[in-house]
Amino acid sequence: MTIGDLERRAGIEQTPEARARFWKPFAHLEARAMLDTGREELQRIIGEKAGGSADPGDGLTVEEQEALRAFAAEHGRCWKAELRKQWMNASASPVLHSLRNRLGPSWLVRFRLDRRPKA
């Protein structure tokens, strides 16, 4: 499937202006990262249109949840920024990098890490 096909399925109007509006937030990335990130965002939009889950944490495995909690504990309040950086450098742990591949970078913006109740 081409980028144009994904844009159409996501409901991006096929005018130069509408396409530029969609791609502009990714323009700061290197070419390959820009295409990958844009493609993932298009797939996320398509999934939402198809009735995908609105809960950004939905579908995480226990291993993924634990990996996110451990990463957040290690990196403090700026853990999301650090995770995005590691995703862009392909240096995140395999479990965390698979989240990027499966859910896309925009998923992280909406994700909220539930605090475990203190025993």
PDB file of N, CA and C in Angstrom:
ATOM      1  N   MET A   1       0.840  -1.166   0.000  1.00  0.00           N
ATOM      2  CA  MET A   1       0.000   0.000   0.000  1.00  0.00           C
ATOM      3  C   MET A   1       0.895   1.242   0.000  1.00  0.00           C
ATOM      4  N   THR A   2       0.550   2.213  -0.812  1.00  0.00           N
ATOM      5  CA  THR A   2       1.358   3.422  -0.924  1.00  0.00           C
ATOM      6  C   THR A   2       0.972   4.434   0.164  1.00  0.00           C
ATOM      7  N   ILE A   3       1.820   5.446   0.328  1.00  0.00           N
ATOM      8  CA  ILE A   3       1.515   6.539   1.255  1.00  0.00           C
ATOM      9  C   ILE A   3       0.220   7.229   0.824  1.00  0.00           C
ATOM     10  N   GLY A   4       0.046   7.430  -0.471  1.00  0.00           N
ATOM     11  CA  GLY A   4      -1.188   8.039  -0.977  1.00  0.00           C
ATOM     12  C   GLY A   4      -2.420   7.230  -0.606  1.00  0.00           C
ATOM     13  N   ASP A   5      -2.311   5.892  -0.722  1.00  0.00           N
ATOM     14  CA  ASP A   5      -3.430   5.024  -0.325  1.00  0.00           C
ATOM     15  C   ASP A   5      -3.759   5.207   1.146  1.00  0.00           C
ATOM     16  N   LEU A   6      -2.700   5.236   1.983  1.00  0.00           N
ATOM     17  CA  LEU A   6      -2.919   5.413   3.424  1.00  0.00           C
ATOM     18  C   LEU A   6      -3.548   6.773   3.718  1.00  0.00           C
ATOM     19  N   GLU A   7      -3.069   7.810   3.032  1.00  0.00           N
ATOM     20  CA  GLU A   7      -3.652   9.141   3.235  1.00  0.00           C
ATOM     21  C   GLU A   7      -5.137   9.149   2.898  1.00  0.00           C
ATOM     22  N   ARG A   8      -5.498   8.552   1.779  1.00  0.00           N
ATOM     23  CA  ARG A   8      -6.912   8.502   1.382  1.00  0.00           C
ATOM     24  C   ARG A   8      -7.742   7.737   2.402  1.00  0.00           C
ATOM     25  N   ARG A   9      -7.236   6.583   2.845  1.00  0.00           N
ATOM     26  CA  ARG A   9      -7.977   5.778   3.835  1.00  0.00           C
ATOM     27  C   ARG A   9      -8.119   6.509   5.163  1.00  0.00           C
ATOM     28  N   ALA A  10      -7.139   7.362   5.493  1.00  0.00           N
ATOM     29  CA  ALA A  10      -7.182   8.122   6.742  1.00  0.00           C
ATOM     30  C   ALA A  10      -8.063   9.364   6.615  1.00  0.00           C
ATOM     31  N   GLY A  11      -8.495   9.670   5.387  1.00  0.00           N
ATOM     32  CA  GLY A  11      -9.358  10.825   5.187  1.00  0.00           C
ATOM     33  C   GLY A  11      -8.612  12.125   4.953  1.00  0.00           C
ATOM     34  N   ILE A  12      -7.328  12.038   4.607  1.00  0.00           N
ATOM     35  CA  ILE A  12      -6.557  13.234   4.290  1.00  0.00           C
ATOM     36  C   ILE A  12      -6.956  13.676   2.883  1.00  0.00           C
ATOM     37  N   GLU A  13      -7.438  14.898   2.783  1.00  0.00           N
ATOM     38  CA  GLU A  13      -7.831  15.433   1.482  1.00  0.00           C
ATOM     39  C   GLU A  13      -6.617  15.426   0.553  1.00  0.00           C
ATOM     40  N   GLN A  14      -6.812  15.086  -0.692  1.00  0.00           N
ATOM     41  CA  GLN A  14      -5.700  14.921  -1.621  1.00  0.00           C
ATOM     42  C   GLN A  14      -5.326  16.217  -2.336  1.00  0.00           C
ATOM     43  N   THR A  15      -5.283  17.304  -1.575  1.00  0.00           N
ATOM     44  CA  THR A  15      -4.797  18.569  -2.120  1.00  0.00           C
ATOM     45  C   THR A  15      -3.392  18.793  -1.567  1.00  0.00           C
ATOM     46  N   PRO A  16      -2.563  19.543  -2.272  1.00  0.00           N
ATOM     47  CA  PRO A  16      -1.219  19.811  -1.747  1.00  0.00           C
ATOM     48  C   PRO A  16      -1.252  20.468  -0.366  1.00  0.00           C
ATOM     49  N   GLU A  17      -2.215  21.357  -0.142  1.00  0.00           N
ATOM     50  CA  GLU A  17      -2.308  22.053   1.144  1.00  0.00           C
ATOM     51  C   GLU A  17      -2.662  21.096   2.282  1.00  0.00           C
ATOM     52  N   ALA A  18      -3.640  20.227   2.059  1.00  0.00           N
ATOM     53  CA  ALA A  18      -4.064  19.287   3.103  1.00  0.00           C
ATOM     54  C   ALA A  18      -2.956  18.278   3.404  1.00  0.00           C
ATOM     55  N   ARG A  19      -2.305  17.813   2.375  1.00  0.00           N
ATOM     56  CA  ARG A  19      -1.216  16.860   2.581  1.00  0.00           C
ATOM     57  C   ARG A  19      -0.060  17.528   3.316  1.00  0.00           C
ATOM     58  N   ALA A  20       0.244  18.774   2.965  1.00  0.00           N
ATOM     59  CA  ALA A  20       1.322  19.508   3.640  1.00  0.00           C
ATOM     60  C   ALA A  20       0.984  19.714   5.116  1.00  0.00           C
ATOM     61  N   ARG A  21      -0.295  20.013   5.423  1.00  0.00           N
ATOM     62  CA  ARG A  21      -0.711  20.181   6.826  1.00  0.00           C
ATOM     63  C   ARG A  21      -0.487  18.904   7.617  1.00  0.00           C
ATOM     64  N   PHE A  22      -0.787  17.755   7.007  1.00  0.00           N
ATOM     65  CA  PHE A  22      -0.583  16.488   7.701  1.00  0.00           C
ATOM     66  C   PHE A  22       0.899  16.234   7.954  1.00  0.00           C
ATOM     67  N   TRP A  23       1.740  16.441   6.958  1.00  0.00           N
ATOM     68  CA  TRP A  23       3.155  16.067   7.045  1.00  0.00           C
ATOM     69  C   TRP A  23       4.031  17.090   7.768  1.00  0.00           C
ATOM     70  N   LYS A  24       3.556  18.325   7.905  1.00  0.00           N
ATOM     71  CA  LYS A  24       4.379  19.379   8.510  1.00  0.00           C
ATOM     72  C   LYS A  24       4.921  19.026   9.898  1.00  0.00           C
ATOM     73  N   PRO A  25       4.129  18.411  10.812  1.00  0.00           N
ATOM     74  CA  PRO A  25       4.676  18.089  12.138  1.00  0.00           C
ATOM     75  C   PRO A  25       5.848  17.107  12.111  1.00  0.00           C
ATOM     76  N   PHE A  26       6.023  16.396  11.013  1.00  0.00           N
ATOM     77  CA  PHE A  26       7.088  15.405  10.913  1.00  0.00           C
ATOM     78  C   PHE A  26       8.286  15.920  10.116  1.00  0.00           C
ATOM     79  N   ALA A  27       8.218  17.154   9.624  1.00  0.00           N
ATOM     80  CA  ALA A  27       9.231  17.698   8.720  1.00  0.00           C
ATOM     81  C   ALA A  27      10.608  17.847   9.361  1.00  0.00           C
ATOM     82  N   HIS A  28      10.663  17.922  10.685  1.00  0.00           N
ATOM     83  CA  HIS A  28      11.959  18.079  11.358  1.00  0.00           C
ATOM     84  C   HIS A  28      12.762  16.780  11.401  1.00  0.00           C
ATOM     85  N   LEU A  29      12.118  15.669  11.085  1.00  0.00           N
ATOM     86  CA  LEU A  29      12.773  14.366  11.137  1.00  0.00           C
ATOM     87  C   LEU A  29      13.553  14.104   9.851  1.00  0.00           C
ATOM     88  N   GLU A  30      14.506  13.191   9.936  1.00  0.00           N
ATOM     89  CA  GLU A  30      15.202  12.748   8.732  1.00  0.00           C
ATOM     90  C   GLU A  30      14.195  12.025   7.835  1.00  0.00           C
ATOM     91  N   ALA A  31      14.501  11.933   6.561  1.00  0.00           N
ATOM     92  CA  ALA A  31      13.547  11.441   5.565  1.00  0.00           C
ATOM     93  C   ALA A  31      12.909  10.105   5.948  1.00  0.00           C
ATOM     94  N   ARG A  32      13.721   9.117   6.293  1.00  0.00           N
ATOM     95  CA  ARG A  32      13.184   7.782   6.603  1.00  0.00           C
ATOM     96  C   ARG A  32      12.313   7.821   7.854  1.00  0.00           C
ATOM     97  N   ALA A  33      12.785   8.532   8.883  1.00  0.00           N
ATOM     98  CA  ALA A  33      12.015   8.638  10.123  1.00  0.00           C
ATOM     99  C   ALA A  33      10.711   9.396   9.878  1.00  0.00           C
ATOM    100  N   MET A  34      10.760  10.407   9.015  1.00  0.00           N
ATOM    101  CA  MET A  34       9.560  11.177   8.686  1.00  0.00           C
ATOM    102  C   MET A  34       8.515  10.278   8.037  1.00  0.00           C
ATOM    103  N   LEU A  35       8.939   9.493   7.079  1.00  0.00           N
ATOM    104  CA  LEU A  35       7.999   8.582   6.407  1.00  0.00           C
ATOM    105  C   LEU A  35       7.459   7.530   7.365  1.00  0.00           C
ATOM    106  N   ASP A  36       8.331   6.945   8.176  1.00  0.00           N
ATOM    107  CA  ASP A  36       7.893   5.918   9.124  1.00  0.00           C
ATOM    108  C   ASP A  36       6.905   6.482  10.135  1.00  0.00           C
ATOM    109  N   THR A  37       7.219   7.648  10.688  1.00  0.00           N
ATOM    110  CA  THR A  37       6.364   8.257  11.691  1.00  0.00           C
ATOM    111  C   THR A  37       5.027   8.674  11.080  1.00  0.00           C
ATOM    112  N   GLY A  38       5.068   9.266   9.897  1.00  0.00           N
ATOM    113  CA  GLY A  38       3.831   9.650   9.211  1.00  0.00           C
ATOM    114  C   GLY A  38       2.977   8.444   8.869  1.00  0.00           C
ATOM    115  N   ARG A  39       3.615   7.386   8.397  1.00  0.00           N
ATOM    116  CA  ARG A  39       2.875   6.160   8.074  1.00  0.00           C
ATOM    117  C   ARG A  39       2.200   5.590   9.310  1.00  0.00           C
ATOM    118  N   GLU A  40       2.921   5.581  10.433  1.00  0.00           N
ATOM    119  CA  GLU A  40       2.345   5.064  11.667  1.00  0.00           C
ATOM    120  C   GLU A  40       1.163   5.912  12.121  1.00  0.00           C
ATOM    121  N   GLU A  41       1.272   7.220  11.962  1.00  0.00           N
ATOM    122  CA  GLU A  41       0.162   8.108  12.334  1.00  0.00           C
ATOM    123  C   GLU A  41      -1.031   7.872  11.416  1.00  0.00           C
ATOM    124  N   LEU A  42      -0.791   7.698  10.123  1.00  0.00           N
ATOM    125  CA  LEU A  42      -1.883   7.390   9.204  1.00  0.00           C
ATOM    126  C   LEU A  42      -2.563   6.078   9.585  1.00  0.00           C
ATOM    127  N   GLN A  43      -1.781   5.074   9.927  1.00  0.00           N
ATOM    128  CA  GLN A  43      -2.361   3.791  10.331  1.00  0.00           C
ATOM    129  C   GLN A  43      -3.160   3.925  11.622  1.00  0.00           C
ATOM    130  N   ARG A  44      -2.694   4.775  12.547  1.00  0.00           N
ATOM    131  CA  ARG A  44      -3.434   5.007  13.788  1.00  0.00           C
ATOM    132  C   ARG A  44      -4.782   5.654  13.478  1.00  0.00           C
ATOM    133  N   ILE A  45      -4.783   6.655  12.584  1.00  0.00           N
ATOM    134  CA  ILE A  45      -6.022   7.335  12.207  1.00  0.00           C
ATOM    135  C   ILE A  45      -6.981   6.354  11.553  1.00  0.00           C
ATOM    136  N   ILE A  46      -6.462   5.528  10.664  1.00  0.00           N
ATOM    137  CA  ILE A  46      -7.293   4.522   9.997  1.00  0.00           C
ATOM    138  C   ILE A  46      -7.894   3.572  11.028  1.00  0.00           C
ATOM    139  N   GLY A  47      -7.080   3.142  11.997  1.00  0.00           N
ATOM    140  CA  GLY A  47      -7.567   2.255  13.050  1.00  0.00           C
ATOM    141  C   GLY A  47      -8.670   2.890  13.870  1.00  0.00           C
ATOM    142  N   GLU A  48      -8.518   4.169  14.202  1.00  0.00           N
ATOM    143  CA  GLU A  48      -9.557   4.874  14.954  1.00  0.00           C
ATOM    144  C   GLU A  48     -10.846   4.956  14.147  1.00  0.00           C
ATOM    145  N   LYS A  49     -10.719   5.238  12.853  1.00  0.00           N
ATOM    146  CA  LYS A  49     -11.906   5.325  11.995  1.00  0.00           C
ATOM    147  C   LYS A  49     -12.611   3.978  11.895  1.00  0.00           C
ATOM    148  N   ALA A  50     -11.838   2.913  12.014  1.00  0.00           N
ATOM    149  CA  ALA A  50     -12.410   1.569  11.912  1.00  0.00           C
ATOM    150  C   ALA A  50     -12.989   1.102  13.244  1.00  0.00           C
ATOM    151  N   GLY A  51     -12.998   1.990  14.236  1.00  0.00           N
ATOM    152  CA  GLY A  51     -13.574   1.617  15.528  1.00  0.00           C
ATOM    153  C   GLY A  51     -12.557   1.067  16.492  1.00  0.00           C
ATOM    154  N   GLY A  52     -11.294   1.433  16.302  1.00  0.00           N
ATOM    155  CA  GLY A  52     -10.260   0.987  17.215  1.00  0.00           C
ATOM    156  C   GLY A  52     -10.473   1.549  18.600  1.00  0.00           C
ATOM    157  N   SER A  53      -9.776   1.003  19.550  1.00  0.00           N
ATOM    158  CA  SER A  53      -9.914   1.403  20.945  1.00  0.00           C
ATOM    159  C   SER A  53      -9.483   2.846  21.131  1.00  0.00           C
ATOM    160  N   ALA A  54     -10.256   3.580  21.933  1.00  0.00           N
ATOM    161  CA  ALA A  54      -9.898   4.957  22.257  1.00  0.00           C
ATOM    162  C   ALA A  54      -8.958   5.007  23.452  1.00  0.00           C
ATOM    163  N   ASP A  55      -8.826   3.910  24.166  1.00  0.00           N
ATOM    164  CA  ASP A  55      -7.959   3.866  25.339  1.00  0.00           C
ATOM    165  C   ASP A  55      -6.538   3.600  24.882  1.00  0.00           C
ATOM    166  N   PRO A  56      -5.641   4.592  24.993  1.00  0.00           N
ATOM    167  CA  PRO A  56      -4.287   4.394  24.476  1.00  0.00           C
ATOM    168  C   PRO A  56      -3.498   3.329  25.209  1.00  0.00           C
ATOM    169  N   GLY A  57      -3.908   2.963  26.411  1.00  0.00           N
ATOM    170  CA  GLY A  57      -3.203   1.925  27.139  1.00  0.00           C
ATOM    171  C   GLY A  57      -3.764   0.544  26.871  1.00  0.00           C
ATOM    172  N   ASP A  58      -4.873   0.484  26.181  1.00  0.00           N
ATOM    173  CA  ASP A  58      -5.546  -0.779  25.922  1.00  0.00           C
ATOM    174  C   ASP A  58      -4.680  -1.702  25.079  1.00  0.00           C
ATOM    175  N   GLY A  59      -4.625  -2.951  25.476  1.00  0.00           N
ATOM    176  CA  GLY A  59      -3.896  -3.934  24.694  1.00  0.00           C
ATOM    177  C   GLY A  59      -2.441  -4.096  25.068  1.00  0.00           C
ATOM    178  N   LEU A  60      -1.971  -3.399  26.102  1.00  0.00           N
ATOM    179  CA  LEU A  60      -0.589  -3.590  26.532  1.00  0.00           C
ATOM    180  C   LEU A  60      -0.464  -4.892  27.304  1.00  0.00           C
ATOM    181  N   THR A  61       0.595  -5.605  27.039  1.00  0.00           N
ATOM    182  CA  THR A  61       0.847  -6.823  27.801  1.00  0.00           C
ATOM    183  C   THR A  61       1.397  -6.448  29.172  1.00  0.00           C
ATOM    184  N   VAL A  62       1.392  -7.387  30.078  1.00  0.00           N
ATOM    185  CA  VAL A  62       1.961  -7.161  31.400  1.00  0.00           C
ATOM    186  C   VAL A  62       3.438  -6.809  31.267  1.00  0.00           C
ATOM    187  N   GLU A  63       4.143  -7.502  30.371  1.00  0.00           N
ATOM    188  CA  GLU A  63       5.566  -7.226  30.148  1.00  0.00           C
ATOM    189  C   GLU A  63       5.773  -5.791  29.671  1.00  0.00           C
ATOM    190  N   GLU A  64       4.912  -5.313  28.754  1.00  0.00           N
ATOM    191  CA  GLU A  64       5.026  -3.947  28.253  1.00  0.00           C
ATOM    192  C   GLU A  64       4.735  -2.929  29.353  1.00  0.00           C
ATOM    193  N   GLN A  65       3.714  -3.198  30.156  1.00  0.00           N
ATOM    194  CA  GLN A  65       3.378  -2.298  31.262  1.00  0.00           C
ATOM    195  C   GLN A  65       4.538  -2.206  32.254  1.00  0.00           C
ATOM    196  N   GLU A  66       5.097  -3.351  32.593  1.00  0.00           N
ATOM    197  CA  GLU A  66       6.227  -3.367  33.531  1.00  0.00           C
ATOM    198  C   GLU A  66       7.446  -2.655  32.949  1.00  0.00           C
ATOM    199  N   ALA A  67       7.710  -2.847  31.663  1.00  0.00           N
ATOM    200  CA  ALA A  67       8.840  -2.187  31.023  1.00  0.00           C
ATOM    201  C   ALA A  67       8.648  -0.667  31.036  1.00  0.00           C
ATOM    202  N   LEU A  68       7.432  -0.209  30.784  1.00  0.00           N
ATOM    203  CA  LEU A  68       7.154   1.230  30.823  1.00  0.00           C
ATOM    204  C   LEU A  68       7.314   1.785  32.232  1.00  0.00           C
ATOM    205  N   ARG A  69       6.802   1.066  33.227  1.00  0.00           N
ATOM    206  CA  ARG A  69       6.945   1.517  34.622  1.00  0.00           C
ATOM    207  C   ARG A  69       8.417   1.605  35.030  1.00  0.00           C
ATOM    208  N   ALA A  70       9.184   0.584  34.667  1.00  0.00           N
ATOM    209  CA  ALA A  70      10.607   0.573  35.015  1.00  0.00           C
ATOM    210  C   ALA A  70      11.343   1.706  34.306  1.00  0.00           C
ATOM    211  N   PHE A  71      11.018   1.936  33.041  1.00  0.00           N
ATOM    212  CA  PHE A  71      11.659   3.006  32.283  1.00  0.00           C
ATOM    213  C   PHE A  71      11.321   4.360  32.904  1.00  0.00           C
ATOM    214  N   ALA A  72      10.050   4.568  33.244  1.00  0.00           N
ATOM    215  CA  ALA A  72       9.621   5.828  33.860  1.00  0.00           C
ATOM    216  C   ALA A  72      10.313   6.043  35.201  1.00  0.00           C
ATOM    217  N   ALA A  73      10.437   4.987  35.988  1.00  0.00           N
ATOM    218  CA  ALA A  73      11.100   5.106  37.291  1.00  0.00           C
ATOM    219  C   ALA A  73      12.573   5.459  37.115  1.00  0.00           C
ATOM    220  N   GLU A  74      13.202   4.891  36.114  1.00  0.00           N
ATOM    221  CA  GLU A  74      14.626   5.140  35.873  1.00  0.00           C
ATOM    222  C   GLU A  74      14.895   6.547  35.352  1.00  0.00           C
ATOM    223  N   HIS A  75      13.980   7.080  34.528  1.00  0.00           N
ATOM    224  CA  HIS A  75      14.237   8.348  33.844  1.00  0.00           C
ATOM    225  C   HIS A  75      13.462   9.535  34.421  1.00  0.00           C
ATOM    226  N   GLY A  76      12.667   9.323  35.440  1.00  0.00           N
ATOM    227  CA  GLY A  76      12.004  10.440  36.113  1.00  0.00           C
ATOM    228  C   GLY A  76      10.899  11.093  35.312  1.00  0.00           C
ATOM    229  N   ARG A  77      10.637  12.354  35.654  1.00  0.00           N
ATOM    230  CA  ARG A  77       9.466  13.014  35.096  1.00  0.00           C
ATOM    231  C   ARG A  77       9.553  13.284  33.600  1.00  0.00           C
ATOM    232  N   CYS A  78      10.710  13.229  33.008  1.00  0.00           N
ATOM    233  CA  CYS A  78      10.874  13.447  31.568  1.00  0.00           C
ATOM    234  C   CYS A  78      11.029  12.126  30.807  1.00  0.00           C
ATOM    235  N   TRP A  79      10.468  11.059  31.364  1.00  0.00           N
ATOM    236  CA  TRP A  79      10.663   9.740  30.783  1.00  0.00           C
ATOM    237  C   TRP A  79      10.128   9.626  29.364  1.00  0.00           C
ATOM    238  N   LYS A  80       9.032  10.323  29.052  1.00  0.00           N
ATOM    239  CA  LYS A  80       8.481  10.235  27.699  1.00  0.00           C
ATOM    240  C   LYS A  80       9.438  10.844  26.677  1.00  0.00           C
ATOM    241  N   ALA A  81      10.034  11.972  27.022  1.00  0.00           N
ATOM    242  CA  ALA A  81      10.999  12.608  26.113  1.00  0.00           C
ATOM    243  C   ALA A  81      12.188  11.681  25.873  1.00  0.00           C
ATOM    244  N   GLU A  82      12.657  11.041  26.934  1.00  0.00           N
ATOM    245  CA  GLU A  82      13.778  10.111  26.791  1.00  0.00           C
ATOM    246  C   GLU A  82      13.385   8.904  25.940  1.00  0.00           C
ATOM    247  N   LEU A  83      12.176   8.396  26.133  1.00  0.00           N
ATOM    248  CA  LEU A  83      11.729   7.252  25.342  1.00  0.00           C
ATOM    249  C   LEU A  83      11.607   7.636  23.872  1.00  0.00           C
ATOM    250  N   ARG A  84      11.055   8.816  23.583  1.00  0.00           N
ATOM    251  CA  ARG A  84      10.974   9.269  22.182  1.00  0.00           C
ATOM    252  C   ARG A  84      12.369   9.359  21.569  1.00  0.00           C
ATOM    253  N   LYS A  85      13.317   9.885  22.335  1.00  0.00           N
ATOM    254  CA  LYS A  85      14.701   9.992  21.846  1.00  0.00           C
ATOM    255  C   LYS A  85      15.275   8.603  21.543  1.00  0.00           C
ATOM    256  N   GLN A  86      15.062   7.671  22.450  1.00  0.00           N
ATOM    257  CA  GLN A  86      15.569   6.318  22.223  1.00  0.00           C
ATOM    258  C   GLN A  86      14.854   5.648  21.052  1.00  0.00           C
ATOM    259  N   TRP A  87      13.568   5.912  20.879  1.00  0.00           N
ATOM    260  CA  TRP A  87      12.858   5.368  19.723  1.00  0.00           C
ATOM    261  C   TRP A  87      13.474   5.895  18.428  1.00  0.00           C
ATOM    262  N   MET A  88      13.767   7.184  18.387  1.00  0.00           N
ATOM    263  CA  MET A  88      14.319   7.776  17.166  1.00  0.00           C
ATOM    264  C   MET A  88      15.727   7.260  16.882  1.00  0.00           C
ATOM    265  N   ASN A  89      16.471   6.923  17.931  1.00  0.00           N
ATOM    266  CA  ASN A  89      17.828   6.392  17.762  1.00  0.00           C
ATOM    267  C   ASN A  89      17.858   4.867  17.711  1.00  0.00           C
ATOM    268  N   ALA A  90      16.692   4.242  17.787  1.00  0.00           N
ATOM    269  CA  ALA A  90      16.580   2.780  17.802  1.00  0.00           C
ATOM    270  C   ALA A  90      17.432   2.174  18.913  1.00  0.00           C
ATOM    271  N   SER A  91      17.447   2.839  20.084  1.00  0.00           N
ATOM    272  CA  SER A  91      18.249   2.337  21.194  1.00  0.00           C
ATOM    273  C   SER A  91      17.403   1.889  22.386  1.00  0.00           C
ATOM    274  N   ALA A  92      16.089   1.922  22.242  1.00  0.00           N
ATOM    275  CA  ALA A  92      15.211   1.464  23.327  1.00  0.00           C
ATOM    276  C   ALA A  92      15.271  -0.054  23.416  1.00  0.00           C
ATOM    277  N   SER A  93      14.891  -0.572  24.566  1.00  0.00           N
ATOM    278  CA  SER A  93      14.849  -2.029  24.728  1.00  0.00           C
ATOM    279  C   SER A  93      13.879  -2.612  23.693  1.00  0.00           C
ATOM    280  N   PRO A  94      14.058  -3.869  23.329  1.00  0.00           N
ATOM    281  CA  PRO A  94      13.170  -4.470  22.325  1.00  0.00           C
ATOM    282  C   PRO A  94      11.687  -4.388  22.704  1.00  0.00           C
ATOM    283  N   VAL A  95      11.384  -4.569  23.971  1.00  0.00           N
ATOM    284  CA  VAL A  95       9.971  -4.503  24.402  1.00  0.00           C
ATOM    285  C   VAL A  95       9.415  -3.111  24.159  1.00  0.00           C
ATOM    286  N   LEU A  96      10.175  -2.086  24.541  1.00  0.00           N
ATOM    287  CA  LEU A  96       9.701  -0.715  24.364  1.00  0.00           C
ATOM    288  C   LEU A  96       9.698  -0.302  22.897  1.00  0.00           C
ATOM    289  N   HIS A  97      10.669  -0.765  22.136  1.00  0.00           N
ATOM    290  CA  HIS A  97      10.696  -0.408  20.712  1.00  0.00           C
ATOM    291  C   HIS A  97       9.533  -1.061  19.967  1.00  0.00           C
ATOM    292  N   SER A  98       9.124  -2.234  20.405  1.00  0.00           N
ATOM    293  CA  SER A  98       7.987  -2.890  19.752  1.00  0.00           C
ATOM    294  C   SER A  98       6.707  -2.082  19.942  1.00  0.00           C
ATOM    295  N   LEU A  99       6.605  -1.339  21.066  1.00  0.00           N
ATOM    296  CA  LEU A  99       5.439  -0.468  21.269  1.00  0.00           C
ATOM    297  C   LEU A  99       5.393   0.617  20.192  1.00  0.00           C
ATOM    298  N   ARG A 100       6.556   1.188  19.895  1.00  0.00           N
ATOM    299  CA  ARG A 100       6.617   2.207  18.847  1.00  0.00           C
ATOM    300  C   ARG A 100       6.185   1.624  17.509  1.00  0.00           C
ATOM    301  N   ASN A 101       6.685   0.443  17.212  1.00  0.00           N
ATOM    302  CA  ASN A 101       6.352  -0.184  15.933  1.00  0.00           C
ATOM    303  C   ASN A 101       4.881  -0.558  15.847  1.00  0.00           C
ATOM    304  N   ARG A 102       4.316  -0.991  16.962  1.00  0.00           N
ATOM    305  CA  ARG A 102       2.928  -1.461  16.970  1.00  0.00           C
ATOM    306  C   ARG A 102       1.927  -0.327  17.112  1.00  0.00           C
ATOM    307  N   LEU A 103       2.198   0.642  17.977  1.00  0.00           N
ATOM    308  CA  LEU A 103       1.215   1.676  18.298  1.00  0.00           C
ATOM    309  C   LEU A 103       1.542   3.044  17.716  1.00  0.00           C
ATOM    310  N   GLY A 104       2.786   3.239  17.311  1.00  0.00           N
ATOM    311  CA  GLY A 104       3.189   4.508  16.724  1.00  0.00           C
ATOM    312  C   GLY A 104       3.614   5.534  17.767  1.00  0.00           C
ATOM    313  N   PRO A 105       4.473   6.464  17.370  1.00  0.00           N
ATOM    314  CA  PRO A 105       4.976   7.466  18.303  1.00  0.00           C
ATOM    315  C   PRO A 105       3.895   8.354  18.903  1.00  0.00           C
ATOM    316  N   SER A 106       2.840   8.634  18.155  1.00  0.00           N
ATOM    317  CA  SER A 106       1.792   9.515  18.681  1.00  0.00           C
ATOM    318  C   SER A 106       1.043   8.869  19.844  1.00  0.00           C
ATOM    319  N   TRP A 107       1.087   7.555  19.927  1.00  0.00           N
ATOM    320  CA  TRP A 107       0.446   6.858  21.045  1.00  0.00           C
ATOM    321  C   TRP A 107       1.023   7.326  22.375  1.00  0.00           C
ATOM    322  N   LEU A 108       2.300   7.563  22.422  1.00  0.00           N
ATOM    323  CA  LEU A 108       2.964   7.934  23.671  1.00  0.00           C
ATOM    324  C   LEU A 108       2.430   9.252  24.232  1.00  0.00           C
ATOM    325  N   VAL A 109       2.036  10.169  23.370  1.00  0.00           N
ATOM    326  CA  VAL A 109       1.514  11.456  23.818  1.00  0.00           C
ATOM    327  C   VAL A 109       0.249  11.258  24.646  1.00  0.00           C
ATOM    328  N   ARG A 110      -0.625  10.363  24.216  1.00  0.00           N
ATOM    329  CA  ARG A 110      -1.907  10.135  24.894  1.00  0.00           C
ATOM    330  C   ARG A 110      -1.789   9.181  26.071  1.00  0.00           C
ATOM    331  N   PHE A 111      -0.736   8.397  26.100  1.00  0.00           N
ATOM    332  CA  PHE A 111      -0.598   7.367  27.124  1.00  0.00           C
ATOM    333  C   PHE A 111      -0.409   7.978  28.507  1.00  0.00           C
ATOM    334  N   ARG A 112      -1.094   7.420  29.490  1.00  0.00           N
ATOM    335  CA  ARG A 112      -0.928   7.811  30.891  1.00  0.00           C
ATOM    336  C   ARG A 112      -0.537   6.576  31.678  1.00  0.00           C
ATOM    337  N   LEU A 113       0.566   6.677  32.358  1.00  0.00           N
ATOM    338  CA  LEU A 113       1.062   5.572  33.164  1.00  0.00           C
ATOM    339  C   LEU A 113       0.308   5.561  34.482  1.00  0.00           C
ATOM    340  N   ASP A 114      -0.460   4.520  34.721  1.00  0.00           N
ATOM    341  CA  ASP A 114      -1.190   4.406  35.973  1.00  0.00           C
ATOM    342  C   ASP A 114      -0.209   4.220  37.118  1.00  0.00           C
ATOM    343  N   ARG A 115      -0.429   4.966  38.147  1.00  0.00           N
ATOM    344  CA  ARG A 115       0.403   4.806  39.352  1.00  0.00           C
ATOM    345  C   ARG A 115      -0.110   3.603  40.113  1.00  0.00           C
ATOM    346  N   ARG A 116       0.822   2.756  40.514  1.00  0.00           N
ATOM    347  CA  ARG A 116       0.439   1.604  41.323  1.00  0.00           C
ATOM    348  C   ARG A 116       0.112   2.066  42.730  1.00  0.00           C
ATOM    349  N   PRO A 117      -0.954   1.535  43.311  1.00  0.00           N
ATOM    350  CA  PRO A 117      -1.249   1.922  44.702  1.00  0.00           C
ATOM    351  C   PRO A 117      -0.139   1.438  45.623  1.00  0.00           C
ATOM    352  N   LYS A 118       0.220   2.282  46.575  1.00  0.00           N
ATOM    353  CA  LYS A 118       1.269   1.910  47.525  1.00  0.00           C
ATOM    354  C   LYS A 118       0.692   0.967  48.563  1.00  0.00           C
ATOM    355  N   ALA A 119       1.389  -0.119  48.800  1.00  0.00           N
ATOM    356  CA  ALA A 119       0.906  -1.140  49.737  1.00  0.00           C
ATOM    357  C   ALA A 119       1.249  -0.771  51.158  1.00  0.00           C
TER     358      ALA A 119
END
